Every structure is written in C-alpha cells, then in structure tokens.
Amino acid sequence: MANTPQAKKRIRRNAKRQTINHSRISRIRTFIKQVESAIESGKKTEAAEALKQVQPEIARGVARGVIHKNTASRKFSRLSKRVAALG
C-alpha cells in the first residue's frame, strides 16, 4: 500500500487514466469491428467508408499513447489489404 501522499495521488491518477485509456481502446476496437463486419458481408463500399473512419481513430490512439505505432500500422495495413481483396 502507498504510504506517501504523492504515492496515494499517483494511484488515484493511474486509475483515472486507466479508465480513459480503456475507453479509447474500446472505441478503436468498435471501429475495427465495423470494418470487419462490412468485409464479412462483402460490401466493398461500406468497408471502404468504414476504413476511412477507422484510420484517424487508430492514428489518434497512437498520438495519445494508447497503442504502439507498429501495432497501429499493422492493424491498418491488414484491414486495407482485406478491403482491397474484396475487388
């Protein structure tokens, strides 16, 4: 258990940041699921539109330190590849 006032404050701040970060990650996952569902249904136009929406969300996650830039790049690359394969 934290003994100093500063350590207690860090625990409070970390808990607050954790909830914010979890909500940001959840938002990114939701956008990714929209792209994947459009891909599964075979709707290229919907998938392309959803891909346009997911790209800035992923970039925002990188900028805010929620996900690593390589992870973001990999996710976007794989989604783009799948959308392009719809033909």
PDB file of N, CA and C in Angstrom:
ATOM      1  N   MET A   1       0.844  -1.188   0.000  1.00  0.00           N
ATOM      2  CA  MET A   1       0.000   0.000   0.000  1.00  0.00           C
ATOM      3  C   MET A   1       0.885   1.246   0.000  1.00  0.00           C
ATOM      4  N   ALA A   2       0.390   2.273  -0.641  1.00  0.00           N
ATOM      5  CA  ALA A   2       1.144   3.518  -0.735  1.00  0.00           C
ATOM      6  C   ALA A   2       1.169   4.221   0.622  1.00  0.00           C
ATOM      7  N   ASN A   3       2.327   4.722   0.967  1.00  0.00           N
ATOM      8  CA  ASN A   3       2.476   5.392   2.257  1.00  0.00           C
ATOM      9  C   ASN A   3       2.538   6.909   2.132  1.00  0.00           C
ATOM     10  N   THR A   4       3.182   7.402   1.094  1.00  0.00           N
ATOM     11  CA  THR A   4       3.338   8.844   0.963  1.00  0.00           C
ATOM     12  C   THR A   4       2.123   9.451   0.271  1.00  0.00           C
ATOM     13  N   PRO A   5       1.864  10.711   0.532  1.00  0.00           N
ATOM     14  CA  PRO A   5       0.738  11.370  -0.140  1.00  0.00           C
ATOM     15  C   PRO A   5       0.876  11.355  -1.661  1.00  0.00           C
ATOM     16  N   GLN A   6       2.112  11.518  -2.145  1.00  0.00           N
ATOM     17  CA  GLN A   6       2.330  11.515  -3.592  1.00  0.00           C
ATOM     18  C   GLN A   6       2.013  10.148  -4.196  1.00  0.00           C
ATOM     19  N   ALA A   7       2.378   9.077  -3.497  1.00  0.00           N
ATOM     20  CA  ALA A   7       2.101   7.730  -3.993  1.00  0.00           C
ATOM     21  C   ALA A   7       0.595   7.473  -4.022  1.00  0.00           C
ATOM     22  N   LYS A   8      -0.110   7.977  -3.028  1.00  0.00           N
ATOM     23  CA  LYS A   8      -1.568   7.827  -2.995  1.00  0.00           C
ATOM     24  C   LYS A   8      -2.208   8.591  -4.150  1.00  0.00           C
ATOM     25  N   LYS A   9      -1.679   9.772  -4.421  1.00  0.00           N
ATOM     26  CA  LYS A   9      -2.191  10.568  -5.535  1.00  0.00           C
ATOM     27  C   LYS A   9      -1.931   9.855  -6.858  1.00  0.00           C
ATOM     28  N   ARG A  10      -0.743   9.250  -7.012  1.00  0.00           N
ATOM     29  CA  ARG A  10      -0.415   8.523  -8.246  1.00  0.00           C
ATOM     30  C   ARG A  10      -1.380   7.358  -8.455  1.00  0.00           C
ATOM     31  N   ILE A  11      -1.762   6.695  -7.389  1.00  0.00           N
ATOM     32  CA  ILE A  11      -2.717   5.591  -7.506  1.00  0.00           C
ATOM     33  C   ILE A  11      -4.043   6.109  -8.042  1.00  0.00           C
ATOM     34  N   ARG A  12      -4.497   7.240  -7.501  1.00  0.00           N
ATOM     35  CA  ARG A  12      -5.753   7.829  -7.976  1.00  0.00           C
ATOM     36  C   ARG A  12      -5.649   8.227  -9.446  1.00  0.00           C
ATOM     37  N   ARG A  13      -4.550   8.887  -9.811  1.00  0.00           N
ATOM     38  CA  ARG A  13      -4.365   9.347 -11.193  1.00  0.00           C
ATOM     39  C   ARG A  13      -4.250   8.174 -12.157  1.00  0.00           C
ATOM     40  N   ASN A  14      -3.528   7.136 -11.737  1.00  0.00           N
ATOM     41  CA  ASN A  14      -3.373   5.967 -12.598  1.00  0.00           C
ATOM     42  C   ASN A  14      -4.709   5.292 -12.862  1.00  0.00           C
ATOM     43  N   ALA A  15      -5.550   5.218 -11.837  1.00  0.00           N
ATOM     44  CA  ALA A  15      -6.866   4.605 -12.005  1.00  0.00           C
ATOM     45  C   ALA A  15      -7.716   5.418 -12.983  1.00  0.00           C
ATOM     46  N   LYS A  16      -7.635   6.735 -12.867  1.00  0.00           N
ATOM     47  CA  LYS A  16      -8.393   7.611 -13.761  1.00  0.00           C
ATOM     48  C   LYS A  16      -7.909   7.465 -15.207  1.00  0.00           C
ATOM     49  N   ARG A  17      -6.574   7.447 -15.396  1.00  0.00           N
ATOM     50  CA  ARG A  17      -6.002   7.297 -16.737  1.00  0.00           C
ATOM     51  C   ARG A  17      -6.353   5.936 -17.324  1.00  0.00           C
ATOM     52  N   GLN A  18      -6.385   4.918 -16.467  1.00  0.00           N
ATOM     53  CA  GLN A  18      -6.689   3.576 -16.938  1.00  0.00           C
ATOM     54  C   GLN A  18      -8.093   3.511 -17.530  1.00  0.00           C
ATOM     55  N   THR A  19      -9.066   4.138 -16.873  1.00  0.00           N
ATOM     56  CA  THR A  19     -10.429   4.115 -17.400  1.00  0.00           C
ATOM     57  C   THR A  19     -10.512   4.865 -18.723  1.00  0.00           C
ATOM     58  N   ILE A  20      -9.796   5.986 -18.827  1.00  0.00           N
ATOM     59  CA  ILE A  20      -9.792   6.753 -20.074  1.00  0.00           C
ATOM     60  C   ILE A  20      -9.163   5.939 -21.196  1.00  0.00           C
ATOM     61  N   ASN A  21      -8.023   5.308 -20.902  1.00  0.00           N
ATOM     62  CA  ASN A  21      -7.335   4.513 -21.918  1.00  0.00           C
ATOM     63  C   ASN A  21      -8.164   3.316 -22.363  1.00  0.00           C
ATOM     64  N   HIS A  22      -8.849   2.674 -21.414  1.00  0.00           N
ATOM     65  CA  HIS A  22      -9.695   1.542 -21.781  1.00  0.00           C
ATOM     66  C   HIS A  22     -10.827   1.971 -22.707  1.00  0.00           C
ATOM     67  N   SER A  23     -11.393   3.142 -22.452  1.00  0.00           N
ATOM     68  CA  SER A  23     -12.474   3.611 -23.319  1.00  0.00           C
ATOM     69  C   SER A  23     -11.949   3.937 -24.713  1.00  0.00           C
ATOM     70  N   ARG A  24     -10.735   4.467 -24.798  1.00  0.00           N
ATOM     71  CA  ARG A  24     -10.148   4.762 -26.111  1.00  0.00           C
ATOM     72  C   ARG A  24      -9.861   3.480 -26.885  1.00  0.00           C
ATOM     73  N   ILE A  25      -9.329   2.480 -26.207  1.00  0.00           N
ATOM     74  CA  ILE A  25      -9.054   1.201 -26.858  1.00  0.00           C
ATOM     75  C   ILE A  25     -10.359   0.568 -27.329  1.00  0.00           C
ATOM     76  N   SER A  26     -11.386   0.647 -26.496  1.00  0.00           N
ATOM     77  CA  SER A  26     -12.687   0.091 -26.849  1.00  0.00           C
ATOM     78  C   SER A  26     -13.258   0.786 -28.081  1.00  0.00           C
ATOM     79  N   ARG A  27     -13.086   2.092 -28.160  1.00  0.00           N
ATOM     80  CA  ARG A  27     -13.575   2.855 -29.316  1.00  0.00           C
ATOM     81  C   ARG A  27     -12.865   2.405 -30.589  1.00  0.00           C
ATOM     82  N   ILE A  28     -11.569   2.207 -30.522  1.00  0.00           N
ATOM     83  CA  ILE A  28     -10.807   1.739 -31.682  1.00  0.00           C
ATOM     84  C   ILE A  28     -11.297   0.358 -32.105  1.00  0.00           C
ATOM     85  N   ARG A  29     -11.483  -0.526 -31.133  1.00  0.00           N
ATOM     86  CA  ARG A  29     -11.952  -1.881 -31.440  1.00  0.00           C
ATOM     87  C   ARG A  29     -13.328  -1.862 -32.094  1.00  0.00           C
ATOM     88  N   THR A  30     -14.193  -0.966 -31.637  1.00  0.00           N
ATOM     89  CA  THR A  30     -15.532  -0.856 -32.215  1.00  0.00           C
ATOM     90  C   THR A  30     -15.453  -0.461 -33.683  1.00  0.00           C
ATOM     91  N   PHE A  31     -14.603   0.504 -34.003  1.00  0.00           N
ATOM     92  CA  PHE A  31     -14.438   0.927 -35.395  1.00  0.00           C
ATOM     93  C   PHE A  31     -13.868  -0.211 -36.242  1.00  0.00           C
ATOM     94  N   ILE A  32     -12.922  -0.955 -35.683  1.00  0.00           N
ATOM     95  CA  ILE A  32     -12.334  -2.084 -36.412  1.00  0.00           C
ATOM     96  C   ILE A  32     -13.395  -3.148 -36.677  1.00  0.00           C
ATOM     97  N   LYS A  33     -14.258  -3.393 -35.702  1.00  0.00           N
ATOM     98  CA  LYS A  33     -15.325  -4.383 -35.876  1.00  0.00           C
ATOM     99  C   LYS A  33     -16.297  -3.961 -36.972  1.00  0.00           C
ATOM    100  N   GLN A  34     -16.539  -2.662 -37.115  1.00  0.00           N
ATOM    101  CA  GLN A  34     -17.412  -2.185 -38.184  1.00  0.00           C
ATOM    102  C   GLN A  34     -16.819  -2.504 -39.546  1.00  0.00           C
ATOM    103  N   VAL A  35     -15.509  -2.314 -39.691  1.00  0.00           N
ATOM    104  CA  VAL A  35     -14.836  -2.636 -40.954  1.00  0.00           C
ATOM    105  C   VAL A  35     -14.914  -4.133 -41.202  1.00  0.00           C
ATOM    106  N   GLU A  36     -14.636  -4.929 -40.179  1.00  0.00           N
ATOM    107  CA  GLU A  36     -14.641  -6.379 -40.336  1.00  0.00           C
ATOM    108  C   GLU A  36     -16.026  -6.909 -40.676  1.00  0.00           C
ATOM    109  N   SER A  37     -17.063  -6.337 -40.087  1.00  0.00           N
ATOM    110  CA  SER A  37     -18.415  -6.796 -40.402  1.00  0.00           C
ATOM    111  C   SER A  37     -18.788  -6.445 -41.837  1.00  0.00           C
ATOM    112  N   ALA A  38     -18.339  -5.284 -42.317  1.00  0.00           N
ATOM    113  CA  ALA A  38     -18.592  -4.906 -43.711  1.00  0.00           C
ATOM    114  C   ALA A  38     -17.831  -5.832 -44.657  1.00  0.00           C
ATOM    115  N   ILE A  39     -16.628  -6.227 -44.276  1.00  0.00           N
ATOM    116  CA  ILE A  39     -15.840  -7.155 -45.093  1.00  0.00           C
ATOM    117  C   ILE A  39     -16.521  -8.517 -45.132  1.00  0.00           C
ATOM    118  N   GLU A  40     -16.989  -8.980 -43.972  1.00  0.00           N
ATOM    119  CA  GLU A  40     -17.648 -10.292 -43.894  1.00  0.00           C
ATOM    120  C   GLU A  40     -18.910 -10.332 -44.752  1.00  0.00           C
ATOM    121  N   SER A  41     -19.636  -9.224 -44.798  1.00  0.00           N
ATOM    122  CA  SER A  41     -20.863  -9.190 -45.593  1.00  0.00           C
ATOM    123  C   SER A  41     -20.577  -8.967 -47.074  1.00  0.00           C
ATOM    124  N   GLY A  42     -19.327  -8.644 -47.409  1.00  0.00           N
ATOM    125  CA  GLY A  42     -18.932  -8.493 -48.807  1.00  0.00           C
ATOM    126  C   GLY A  42     -19.293  -7.156 -49.427  1.00  0.00           C
ATOM    127  N   LYS A  43     -19.565  -6.168 -48.608  1.00  0.00           N
ATOM    128  CA  LYS A  43     -19.944  -4.844 -49.108  1.00  0.00           C
ATOM    129  C   LYS A  43     -18.703  -3.962 -49.183  1.00  0.00           C
ATOM    130  N   LYS A  44     -18.171  -3.828 -50.394  1.00  0.00           N
ATOM    131  CA  LYS A  44     -16.909  -3.100 -50.567  1.00  0.00           C
ATOM    132  C   LYS A  44     -17.048  -1.614 -50.250  1.00  0.00           C
ATOM    133  N   THR A  45     -18.142  -0.985 -50.679  1.00  0.00           N
ATOM    134  CA  THR A  45     -18.284   0.453 -50.439  1.00  0.00           C
ATOM    135  C   THR A  45     -18.399   0.757 -48.944  1.00  0.00           C
ATOM    136  N   GLU A  46     -19.189  -0.059 -48.237  1.00  0.00           N
ATOM    137  CA  GLU A  46     -19.315   0.139 -46.791  1.00  0.00           C
ATOM    138  C   GLU A  46     -17.989  -0.105 -46.087  1.00  0.00           C
ATOM    139  N   ALA A  47     -17.272  -1.125 -46.541  1.00  0.00           N
ATOM    140  CA  ALA A  47     -15.975  -1.445 -45.939  1.00  0.00           C
ATOM    141  C   ALA A  47     -14.983  -0.311 -46.175  1.00  0.00           C
ATOM    142  N   ALA A  48     -15.004   0.260 -47.373  1.00  0.00           N
ATOM    143  CA  ALA A  48     -14.088   1.356 -47.687  1.00  0.00           C
ATOM    144  C   ALA A  48     -14.411   2.591 -46.847  1.00  0.00           C
ATOM    145  N   GLU A  49     -15.691   2.872 -46.672  1.00  0.00           N
ATOM    146  CA  GLU A  49     -16.093   4.011 -45.843  1.00  0.00           C
ATOM    147  C   GLU A  49     -15.696   3.786 -44.384  1.00  0.00           C
ATOM    148  N   ALA A  50     -15.931   2.578 -43.895  1.00  0.00           N
ATOM    149  CA  ALA A  50     -15.566   2.266 -42.514  1.00  0.00           C
ATOM    150  C   ALA A  50     -14.055   2.337 -42.323  1.00  0.00           C
ATOM    151  N   LEU A  51     -13.311   1.942 -43.352  1.00  0.00           N
ATOM    152  CA  LEU A  51     -11.846   2.008 -43.286  1.00  0.00           C
ATOM    153  C   LEU A  51     -11.384   3.461 -43.192  1.00  0.00           C
ATOM    154  N   LYS A  52     -12.063   4.356 -43.904  1.00  0.00           N
ATOM    155  CA  LYS A  52     -11.731   5.782 -43.830  1.00  0.00           C
ATOM    156  C   LYS A  52     -11.989   6.334 -42.428  1.00  0.00           C
ATOM    157  N   GLN A  53     -12.978   5.777 -41.744  1.00  0.00           N
ATOM    158  CA  GLN A  53     -13.284   6.235 -40.393  1.00  0.00           C
ATOM    159  C   GLN A  53     -12.333   5.649 -39.357  1.00  0.00           C
ATOM    160  N   VAL A  54     -11.881   4.426 -39.597  1.00  0.00           N
ATOM    161  CA  VAL A  54     -11.035   3.765 -38.603  1.00  0.00           C
ATOM    162  C   VAL A  54      -9.608   4.306 -38.617  1.00  0.00           C
ATOM    163  N   GLN A  55      -9.133   4.774 -39.759  1.00  0.00           N
ATOM    164  CA  GLN A  55      -7.745   5.231 -39.858  1.00  0.00           C
ATOM    165  C   GLN A  55      -7.435   6.385 -38.900  1.00  0.00           C
ATOM    166  N   PRO A  56      -8.242   7.449 -38.860  1.00  0.00           N
ATOM    167  CA  PRO A  56      -7.932   8.510 -37.895  1.00  0.00           C
ATOM    168  C   PRO A  56      -8.085   8.070 -36.437  1.00  0.00           C
ATOM    169  N   GLU A  57      -8.980   7.122 -36.177  1.00  0.00           N
ATOM    170  CA  GLU A  57      -9.137   6.626 -34.805  1.00  0.00           C
ATOM    171  C   GLU A  57      -7.881   5.893 -34.356  1.00  0.00           C
ATOM    172  N   ILE A  58      -7.339   5.081 -35.250  1.00  0.00           N
ATOM    173  CA  ILE A  58      -6.109   4.362 -34.929  1.00  0.00           C
ATOM    174  C   ILE A  58      -4.968   5.359 -34.737  1.00  0.00           C
ATOM    175  N   ALA A  59      -4.885   6.348 -35.615  1.00  0.00           N
ATOM    176  CA  ALA A  59      -3.829   7.361 -35.502  1.00  0.00           C
ATOM    177  C   ALA A  59      -3.960   8.146 -34.197  1.00  0.00           C
ATOM    178  N   ARG A  60      -5.185   8.418 -33.796  1.00  0.00           N
ATOM    179  CA  ARG A  60      -5.424   9.134 -32.545  1.00  0.00           C
ATOM    180  C   ARG A  60      -4.967   8.298 -31.347  1.00  0.00           C
ATOM    181  N   GLY A  61      -5.189   6.991 -31.444  1.00  0.00           N
ATOM    182  CA  GLY A  61      -4.728   6.103 -30.380  1.00  0.00           C
ATOM    183  C   GLY A  61      -3.222   6.116 -30.244  1.00  0.00           C
ATOM    184  N   VAL A  62      -2.531   6.195 -31.371  1.00  0.00           N
ATOM    185  CA  VAL A  62      -1.062   6.272 -31.346  1.00  0.00           C
ATOM    186  C   VAL A  62      -0.626   7.598 -30.739  1.00  0.00           C
ATOM    187  N   ALA A  63      -1.257   8.682 -31.157  1.00  0.00           N
ATOM    188  CA  ALA A  63      -0.878  10.011 -30.676  1.00  0.00           C
ATOM    189  C   ALA A  63      -1.080  10.145 -29.171  1.00  0.00           C
ATOM    190  N   ARG A  64      -2.074   9.454 -28.650  1.00  0.00           N
ATOM    191  CA  ARG A  64      -2.361   9.550 -27.219  1.00  0.00           C
ATOM    192  C   ARG A  64      -1.676   8.459 -26.407  1.00  0.00           C
ATOM    193  N   GLY A  65      -0.885   7.641 -27.074  1.00  0.00           N
ATOM    194  CA  GLY A  65      -0.097   6.640 -26.363  1.00  0.00           C
ATOM    195  C   GLY A  65      -0.860   5.419 -25.912  1.00  0.00           C
ATOM    196  N   VAL A  66      -2.000   5.164 -26.527  1.00  0.00           N
ATOM    197  CA  VAL A  66      -2.808   4.016 -26.137  1.00  0.00           C
ATOM    198  C   VAL A  66      -2.318   2.748 -26.828  1.00  0.00           C
ATOM    199  N   ILE A  67      -1.919   2.868 -28.091  1.00  0.00           N
ATOM    200  CA  ILE A  67      -1.377   1.724 -28.817  1.00  0.00           C
ATOM    201  C   ILE A  67      -0.055   2.117 -29.454  1.00  0.00           C
ATOM    202  N   HIS A  68       0.771   1.124 -29.684  1.00  0.00           N
ATOM    203  CA  HIS A  68       2.086   1.355 -30.282  1.00  0.00           C
ATOM    204  C   HIS A  68       1.924   1.653 -31.766  1.00  0.00           C
ATOM    205  N   LYS A  69       2.825   2.451 -32.318  1.00  0.00           N
ATOM    206  CA  LYS A  69       2.698   2.851 -33.720  1.00  0.00           C
ATOM    207  C   LYS A  69       2.827   1.665 -34.662  1.00  0.00           C
ATOM    208  N   ASN A  70       3.656   0.680 -34.322  1.00  0.00           N
ATOM    209  CA  ASN A  70       3.784  -0.502 -35.179  1.00  0.00           C
ATOM    210  C   ASN A  70       2.507  -1.341 -35.157  1.00  0.00           C
ATOM    211  N   THR A  71       1.880  -1.432 -34.000  1.00  0.00           N
ATOM    212  CA  THR A  71       0.615  -2.151 -33.879  1.00  0.00           C
ATOM    213  C   THR A  71      -0.448  -1.467 -34.722  1.00  0.00           C
ATOM    214  N   ALA A  72      -0.503  -0.154 -34.648  1.00  0.00           N
ATOM    215  CA  ALA A  72      -1.474   0.612 -35.426  1.00  0.00           C
ATOM    216  C   ALA A  72      -1.238   0.421 -36.915  1.00  0.00           C
ATOM    217  N   SER A  73       0.012   0.476 -37.316  1.00  0.00           N
ATOM    218  CA  SER A  73       0.360   0.303 -38.721  1.00  0.00           C
ATOM    219  C   SER A  73      -0.045  -1.081 -39.209  1.00  0.00           C
ATOM    220  N   ARG A  74       0.224  -2.093 -38.405  1.00  0.00           N
ATOM    221  CA  ARG A  74      -0.127  -3.464 -38.766  1.00  0.00           C
ATOM    222  C   ARG A  74      -1.641  -3.639 -38.894  1.00  0.00           C
ATOM    223  N   LYS A  75      -2.389  -3.109 -37.933  1.00  0.00           N
ATOM    224  CA  LYS A  75      -3.849  -3.231 -37.976  1.00  0.00           C
ATOM    225  C   LYS A  75      -4.422  -2.570 -39.226  1.00  0.00           C
ATOM    226  N   PHE A  76      -3.966  -1.347 -39.499  1.00  0.00           N
ATOM    227  CA  PHE A  76      -4.494  -0.628 -40.654  1.00  0.00           C
ATOM    228  C   PHE A  76      -4.088  -1.307 -41.954  1.00  0.00           C
ATOM    229  N   SER A  77      -2.868  -1.794 -42.013  1.00  0.00           N
ATOM    230  CA  SER A  77      -2.378  -2.470 -43.212  1.00  0.00           C
ATOM    231  C   SER A  77      -3.197  -3.724 -43.505  1.00  0.00           C
ATOM    232  N   ARG A  78      -3.448  -4.509 -42.487  1.00  0.00           N
ATOM    233  CA  ARG A  78      -4.211  -5.748 -42.678  1.00  0.00           C
ATOM    234  C   ARG A  78      -5.655  -5.468 -43.078  1.00  0.00           C
ATOM    235  N   LEU A  79      -6.245  -4.446 -42.459  1.00  0.00           N
ATOM    236  CA  LEU A  79      -7.615  -4.085 -42.830  1.00  0.00           C
ATOM    237  C   LEU A  79      -7.666  -3.584 -44.271  1.00  0.00           C
ATOM    238  N   SER A  80      -6.701  -2.753 -44.657  1.00  0.00           N
ATOM    239  CA  SER A  80      -6.652  -2.225 -46.026  1.00  0.00           C
ATOM    240  C   SER A  80      -6.509  -3.350 -47.035  1.00  0.00           C
ATOM    241  N   LYS A  81      -5.677  -4.301 -46.709  1.00  0.00           N
ATOM    242  CA  LYS A  81      -5.441  -5.444 -47.591  1.00  0.00           C
ATOM    243  C   LYS A  81      -6.727  -6.249 -47.784  1.00  0.00           C
ATOM    244  N   ARG A  82      -7.465  -6.446 -46.699  1.00  0.00           N
ATOM    245  CA  ARG A  82      -8.714  -7.213 -46.780  1.00  0.00           C
ATOM    246  C   ARG A  82      -9.783  -6.464 -47.568  1.00  0.00           C
ATOM    247  N   VAL A  83      -9.840  -5.140 -47.400  1.00  0.00           N
ATOM    248  CA  VAL A  83     -10.820  -4.344 -48.150  1.00  0.00           C
ATOM    249  C   VAL A  83     -10.470  -4.362 -49.635  1.00  0.00           C
ATOM    250  N   ALA A  84      -9.192  -4.243 -49.957  1.00  0.00           N
ATOM    251  CA  ALA A  84      -8.759  -4.249 -51.357  1.00  0.00           C
ATOM    252  C   ALA A  84      -9.032  -5.599 -52.011  1.00  0.00           C
ATOM    253  N   ALA A  85      -8.994  -6.664 -51.236  1.00  0.00           N
ATOM    254  CA  ALA A  85      -9.218  -8.006 -51.776  1.00  0.00           C
ATOM    255  C   ALA A  85     -10.685  -8.247 -52.134  1.00  0.00           C
ATOM    256  N   LEU A  86     -11.571  -7.381 -51.653  1.00  0.00           N
ATOM    257  CA  LEU A  86     -12.992  -7.550 -51.981  1.00  0.00           C
ATOM    258  C   LEU A  86     -13.236  -7.343 -53.472  1.00  0.00           C
ATOM    259  N   GLY A  87     -12.353  -6.615 -54.114  1.00  0.00           N
ATOM    260  CA  GLY A  87     -12.427  -6.436 -55.563  1.00  0.00           C
ATOM    261  C   GLY A  87     -13.452  -5.468 -55.948  1.00  0.00           C
TER     262      GLY A  87
END
